[in-house]
Amino acid sequence: MYPPEMVKPMKEDLTAVGFNELLNADTVDEAIQNNKGTLLLVVNSVCGCAAGNMRPGVKLSLKGEYTPDQLATVFAGVDGEAVAQARKYFLPYPPSSPSIALFKDGKLVHFLERHHIEGGTAEMIANNLAAAYKEFS
C-alpha cells in the first residue's frame, strides 16, 4: 500500500475534474449496477504511464462532444477492496493497472488495458475513448 500523501495528488488529478472515488466493494457495485447510461471507471495507478498517458488522455477525452454520464475511479495499490471488486466486472480481461473501462447500463462495452495505455500517447487514448463515448452514447 502506498502512503496517502504520495497518492493524494494522483487521485486529485481525476477527482478535480469530476471523478467520484470508489473506496470499497459496495460503492463499486452501486456505481456499476445502478448506472443508467454510460460510466467511465478508471483504475488509477502510481506508474509513469498513468501520469504521462492515462490521466492526461482521460481528461482530454472529456472535452469532446460525447462524454460519459458518470465518472468514477479506484486506485490500485491503495483502494484494494474497490479495485478487486471492479476487476470482477472487467472479466474476461486480466487485472491491469492502470486500465479504463466504459460501461453502458451496467455492462462492460469498452476496455483499455495497460498495454494499450503504456504504448500510446495521451491523444491516442483520448481519441480511442472519444470514439467509444460516441458509439455508446
C-alpha atoms as a PDB file:
ATOM      1  CA  MET A   1       0.000   0.000   0.000  1.00  0.00           C
ATOM      2  CA  TYR A   2       1.221   3.467  -0.882  1.00  0.00           C
ATOM      3  CA  PRO A   3       1.270   6.321   1.643  1.00  0.00           C
ATOM      4  CA  PRO A   4      -1.829   8.551   1.335  1.00  0.00           C
ATOM      5  CA  GLU A   5       0.252  11.724   0.978  1.00  0.00           C
ATOM      6  CA  MET A   6       2.059  10.211  -2.010  1.00  0.00           C
ATOM      7  CA  VAL A   7      -1.085   9.271  -3.962  1.00  0.00           C
ATOM      8  CA  LYS A   8      -3.199  12.286  -2.990  1.00  0.00           C
ATOM      9  CA  PRO A   9      -2.141  14.438  -5.984  1.00  0.00           C
ATOM     10  CA  MET A  10      -2.590  11.456  -8.341  1.00  0.00           C
ATOM     11  CA  LYS A  11      -6.112  10.897  -7.054  1.00  0.00           C
ATOM     12  CA  GLU A  12      -6.891  14.609  -7.233  1.00  0.00           C
ATOM     13  CA  ASP A  13      -5.776  14.665 -10.852  1.00  0.00           C
ATOM     14  CA  LEU A  14      -9.042  12.839 -11.630  1.00  0.00           C
ATOM     15  CA  THR A  15     -11.329  13.894  -8.771  1.00  0.00           C
ATOM     16  CA  ALA A  16     -10.672  17.554  -9.611  1.00  0.00           C
ATOM     17  CA  VAL A  17     -12.360  17.015 -12.995  1.00  0.00           C
ATOM     18  CA  GLY A  18     -15.410  15.238 -11.598  1.00  0.00           C
ATOM     19  CA  PHE A  19     -14.417  11.633 -10.945  1.00  0.00           C
ATOM     20  CA  ASN A  20     -16.089  10.013  -7.946  1.00  0.00           C
ATOM     21  CA  GLU A  21     -13.707   7.973  -5.778  1.00  0.00           C
ATOM     22  CA  LEU A  22     -14.939   4.443  -5.113  1.00  0.00           C
ATOM     23  CA  LEU A  23     -13.300   3.218  -1.927  1.00  0.00           C
ATOM     24  CA  ASN A  24     -14.875  -0.184  -1.238  1.00  0.00           C
ATOM     25  CA  ALA A  25     -16.736  -3.054  -2.892  1.00  0.00           C
ATOM     26  CA  ASP A  26     -20.181  -1.657  -2.089  1.00  0.00           C
ATOM     27  CA  THR A  27     -19.517   1.669  -3.805  1.00  0.00           C
ATOM     28  CA  VAL A  28     -18.186  -0.144  -6.877  1.00  0.00           C
ATOM     29  CA  ASP A  29     -21.285  -2.356  -7.034  1.00  0.00           C
ATOM     30  CA  GLU A  30     -23.575   0.631  -6.595  1.00  0.00           C
ATOM     31  CA  ALA A  31     -21.822   2.679  -9.280  1.00  0.00           C
ATOM     32  CA  ILE A  32     -21.913  -0.093 -11.873  1.00  0.00           C
ATOM     33  CA  GLN A  33     -25.183  -1.851 -11.110  1.00  0.00           C
ATOM     34  CA  ASN A  34     -27.267   1.288 -10.613  1.00  0.00           C
ATOM     35  CA  ASN A  35     -25.870   3.246 -13.537  1.00  0.00           C
ATOM     36  CA  LYS A  36     -28.200   4.178 -16.351  1.00  0.00           C
ATOM     37  CA  GLY A  37     -26.309   5.394 -19.353  1.00  0.00           C
ATOM     38  CA  THR A  38     -22.531   5.379 -19.545  1.00  0.00           C
ATOM     39  CA  LEU A  39     -19.994   5.118 -16.747  1.00  0.00           C
ATOM     40  CA  LEU A  40     -16.261   5.613 -17.196  1.00  0.00           C
ATOM     41  CA  LEU A  41     -14.363   3.710 -14.493  1.00  0.00           C
ATOM     42  CA  VAL A  42     -10.627   4.372 -14.312  1.00  0.00           C
ATOM     43  CA  VAL A  43      -8.179   2.194 -12.393  1.00  0.00           C
ATOM     44  CA  ASN A  44      -5.627   4.819 -11.416  1.00  0.00           C
ATOM     45  CA  SER A  45      -2.025   3.948 -10.589  1.00  0.00           C
ATOM     46  CA  VAL A  46       1.304   5.404  -9.463  1.00  0.00           C
ATOM     47  CA  CYS A  47       3.085   4.189 -12.599  1.00  0.00           C
ATOM     48  CA  GLY A  48       4.573   6.573 -15.097  1.00  0.00           C
ATOM     49  CA  CYS A  49       2.182   5.572 -17.873  1.00  0.00           C
ATOM     50  CA  ALA A  50      -0.745   6.629 -15.670  1.00  0.00           C
ATOM     51  CA  ALA A  51       0.813  10.036 -15.141  1.00  0.00           C
ATOM     52  CA  GLY A  52       2.143  10.560 -18.654  1.00  0.00           C
ATOM     53  CA  ASN A  53      -0.545   8.944 -20.796  1.00  0.00           C
ATOM     54  CA  MET A  54      -3.602   7.681 -18.970  1.00  0.00           C
ATOM     55  CA  ARG A  55      -4.725  10.565 -16.754  1.00  0.00           C
ATOM     56  CA  PRO A  56      -3.971  13.235 -19.378  1.00  0.00           C
ATOM     57  CA  GLY A  57      -5.700  11.134 -22.062  1.00  0.00           C
ATOM     58  CA  VAL A  58      -8.777  10.538 -19.922  1.00  0.00           C
ATOM     59  CA  LYS A  59      -9.074  14.241 -19.089  1.00  0.00           C
ATOM     60  CA  LEU A  60      -8.613  15.198 -22.739  1.00  0.00           C
ATOM     61  CA  SER A  61     -11.337  12.743 -23.761  1.00  0.00           C
ATOM     62  CA  LEU A  62     -13.846  14.619 -21.601  1.00  0.00           C
ATOM     63  CA  LYS A  63     -13.547  17.760 -23.735  1.00  0.00           C
ATOM     64  CA  GLY A  64     -15.332  16.273 -26.741  1.00  0.00           C
ATOM     65  CA  GLU A  65     -18.922  16.364 -27.905  1.00  0.00           C
ATOM     66  CA  TYR A  66     -19.764  12.999 -26.323  1.00  0.00           C
ATOM     67  CA  THR A  67     -18.862  12.272 -22.715  1.00  0.00           C
ATOM     68  CA  PRO A  68     -19.814   9.603 -20.166  1.00  0.00           C
ATOM     69  CA  ASP A  69     -22.815  10.212 -17.933  1.00  0.00           C
ATOM     70  CA  GLN A  70     -20.859   9.226 -14.811  1.00  0.00           C
ATOM     71  CA  LEU A  71     -17.157   9.228 -13.883  1.00  0.00           C
ATOM     72  CA  ALA A  72     -15.595   7.008 -11.228  1.00  0.00           C
ATOM     73  CA  THR A  73     -12.139   5.880 -10.173  1.00  0.00           C
ATOM     74  CA  VAL A  74     -10.384   3.347  -7.958  1.00  0.00           C
ATOM     75  CA  PHE A  75      -6.687   3.413  -7.108  1.00  0.00           C
ATOM     76  CA  ALA A  76      -4.533   0.297  -7.481  1.00  0.00           C
ATOM     77  CA  GLY A  77      -2.280  -0.349  -4.508  1.00  0.00           C
ATOM     78  CA  VAL A  78      -4.424   1.847  -2.267  1.00  0.00           C
ATOM     79  CA  ASP A  79      -8.131   1.002  -2.571  1.00  0.00           C
ATOM     80  CA  GLY A  80      -7.585  -2.772  -2.598  1.00  0.00           C
ATOM     81  CA  GLU A  81     -11.160  -3.853  -1.928  1.00  0.00           C
ATOM     82  CA  ALA A  82     -12.594  -1.466  -4.504  1.00  0.00           C
ATOM     83  CA  VAL A  83     -10.042  -2.448  -7.156  1.00  0.00           C
ATOM     84  CA  ALA A  84     -10.663  -6.171  -6.588  1.00  0.00           C
ATOM     85  CA  GLN A  85     -14.405  -5.649  -6.932  1.00  0.00           C
ATOM     86  CA  ALA A  86     -14.050  -3.517 -10.058  1.00  0.00           C
ATOM     87  CA  ARG A  87     -11.879  -6.170 -11.668  1.00  0.00           C
ATOM     88  CA  LYS A  88     -14.729  -8.687 -11.309  1.00  0.00           C
ATOM     89  CA  TYR A  89     -16.721  -6.505 -13.695  1.00  0.00           C
ATOM     90  CA  PHE A  90     -13.799  -6.342 -16.145  1.00  0.00           C
ATOM     91  CA  LEU A  91     -13.751 -10.093 -16.834  1.00  0.00           C
ATOM     92  CA  PRO A  92     -12.645 -11.707 -19.091  1.00  0.00           C
ATOM     93  CA  TYR A  93      -9.840  -9.123 -19.080  1.00  0.00           C
ATOM     94  CA  PRO A  94      -6.987  -9.920 -16.668  1.00  0.00           C
ATOM     95  CA  PRO A  95      -6.047  -7.499 -13.867  1.00  0.00           C
ATOM     96  CA  SER A  96      -4.382  -4.433 -15.303  1.00  0.00           C
ATOM     97  CA  SER A  97      -3.218  -1.186 -13.716  1.00  0.00           C
ATOM     98  CA  PRO A  98      -3.811   1.337 -14.983  1.00  0.00           C
ATOM     99  CA  SER A  99      -6.884   0.495 -17.023  1.00  0.00           C
ATOM    100  CA  ILE A 100     -10.002   2.224 -18.300  1.00  0.00           C
ATOM    101  CA  ALA A 101     -13.476   0.691 -18.523  1.00  0.00           C
ATOM    102  CA  LEU A 102     -16.598   2.066 -20.148  1.00  0.00           C
ATOM    103  CA  PHE A 103     -19.913   0.628 -19.030  1.00  0.00           C
ATOM    104  CA  LYS A 104     -23.318   1.128 -20.636  1.00  0.00           C
ATOM    105  CA  ASP A 105     -26.286   0.372 -18.379  1.00  0.00           C
ATOM    106  CA  GLY A 106     -24.068  -1.751 -16.128  1.00  0.00           C
ATOM    107  CA  LYS A 107     -22.422  -3.791 -18.904  1.00  0.00           C
ATOM    108  CA  LEU A 108     -18.772  -3.503 -19.917  1.00  0.00           C
ATOM    109  CA  VAL A 109     -18.654  -2.227 -23.509  1.00  0.00           C
ATOM    110  CA  HIS A 110     -15.088  -0.917 -23.927  1.00  0.00           C
ATOM    111  CA  PHE A 111     -11.825  -1.594 -22.102  1.00  0.00           C
ATOM    112  CA  LEU A 112      -8.273  -0.316 -22.335  1.00  0.00           C
ATOM    113  CA  GLU A 113      -5.626  -2.451 -20.677  1.00  0.00           C
ATOM    114  CA  ARG A 114      -2.214  -1.307 -19.501  1.00  0.00           C
ATOM    115  CA  HIS A 115      -0.551  -2.399 -22.748  1.00  0.00           C
ATOM    116  CA  HIS A 116      -2.893  -0.065 -24.673  1.00  0.00           C
ATOM    117  CA  ILE A 117      -2.066   2.787 -22.315  1.00  0.00           C
ATOM    118  CA  GLU A 118       1.700   2.485 -21.912  1.00  0.00           C
ATOM    119  CA  GLY A 119       2.247   2.173 -25.647  1.00  0.00           C
ATOM    120  CA  GLY A 120       0.122   5.150 -26.607  1.00  0.00           C
ATOM    121  CA  THR A 121       0.044   8.884 -26.221  1.00  0.00           C
ATOM    122  CA  ALA A 122      -2.496  10.895 -24.269  1.00  0.00           C
ATOM    123  CA  GLU A 123      -4.028  11.969 -27.593  1.00  0.00           C
ATOM    124  CA  MET A 124      -4.350   8.368 -28.794  1.00  0.00           C
ATOM    125  CA  ILE A 125      -6.069   7.379 -25.555  1.00  0.00           C
ATOM    126  CA  ALA A 126      -8.382  10.402 -25.742  1.00  0.00           C
ATOM    127  CA  ASN A 127      -9.305   9.615 -29.348  1.00  0.00           C
ATOM    128  CA  ASN A 128      -9.948   5.971 -28.520  1.00  0.00           C
ATOM    129  CA  LEU A 129     -12.214   6.913 -25.629  1.00  0.00           C
ATOM    130  CA  ALA A 130     -13.989   9.652 -27.583  1.00  0.00           C
ATOM    131  CA  ALA A 131     -14.896   7.124 -30.286  1.00  0.00           C
ATOM    132  CA  ALA A 132     -16.262   4.757 -27.622  1.00  0.00           C
ATOM    133  CA  TYR A 133     -18.291   7.553 -25.977  1.00  0.00           C
ATOM    134  CA  LYS A 134     -19.838   8.379 -29.335  1.00  0.00           C
ATOM    135  CA  GLU A 135     -20.558   4.723 -30.150  1.00  0.00           C
ATOM    136  CA  PHE A 136     -22.244   4.021 -26.833  1.00  0.00           C
ATOM    137  CA  SER A 137     -23.940   7.362 -26.154  1.00  0.00           C
END
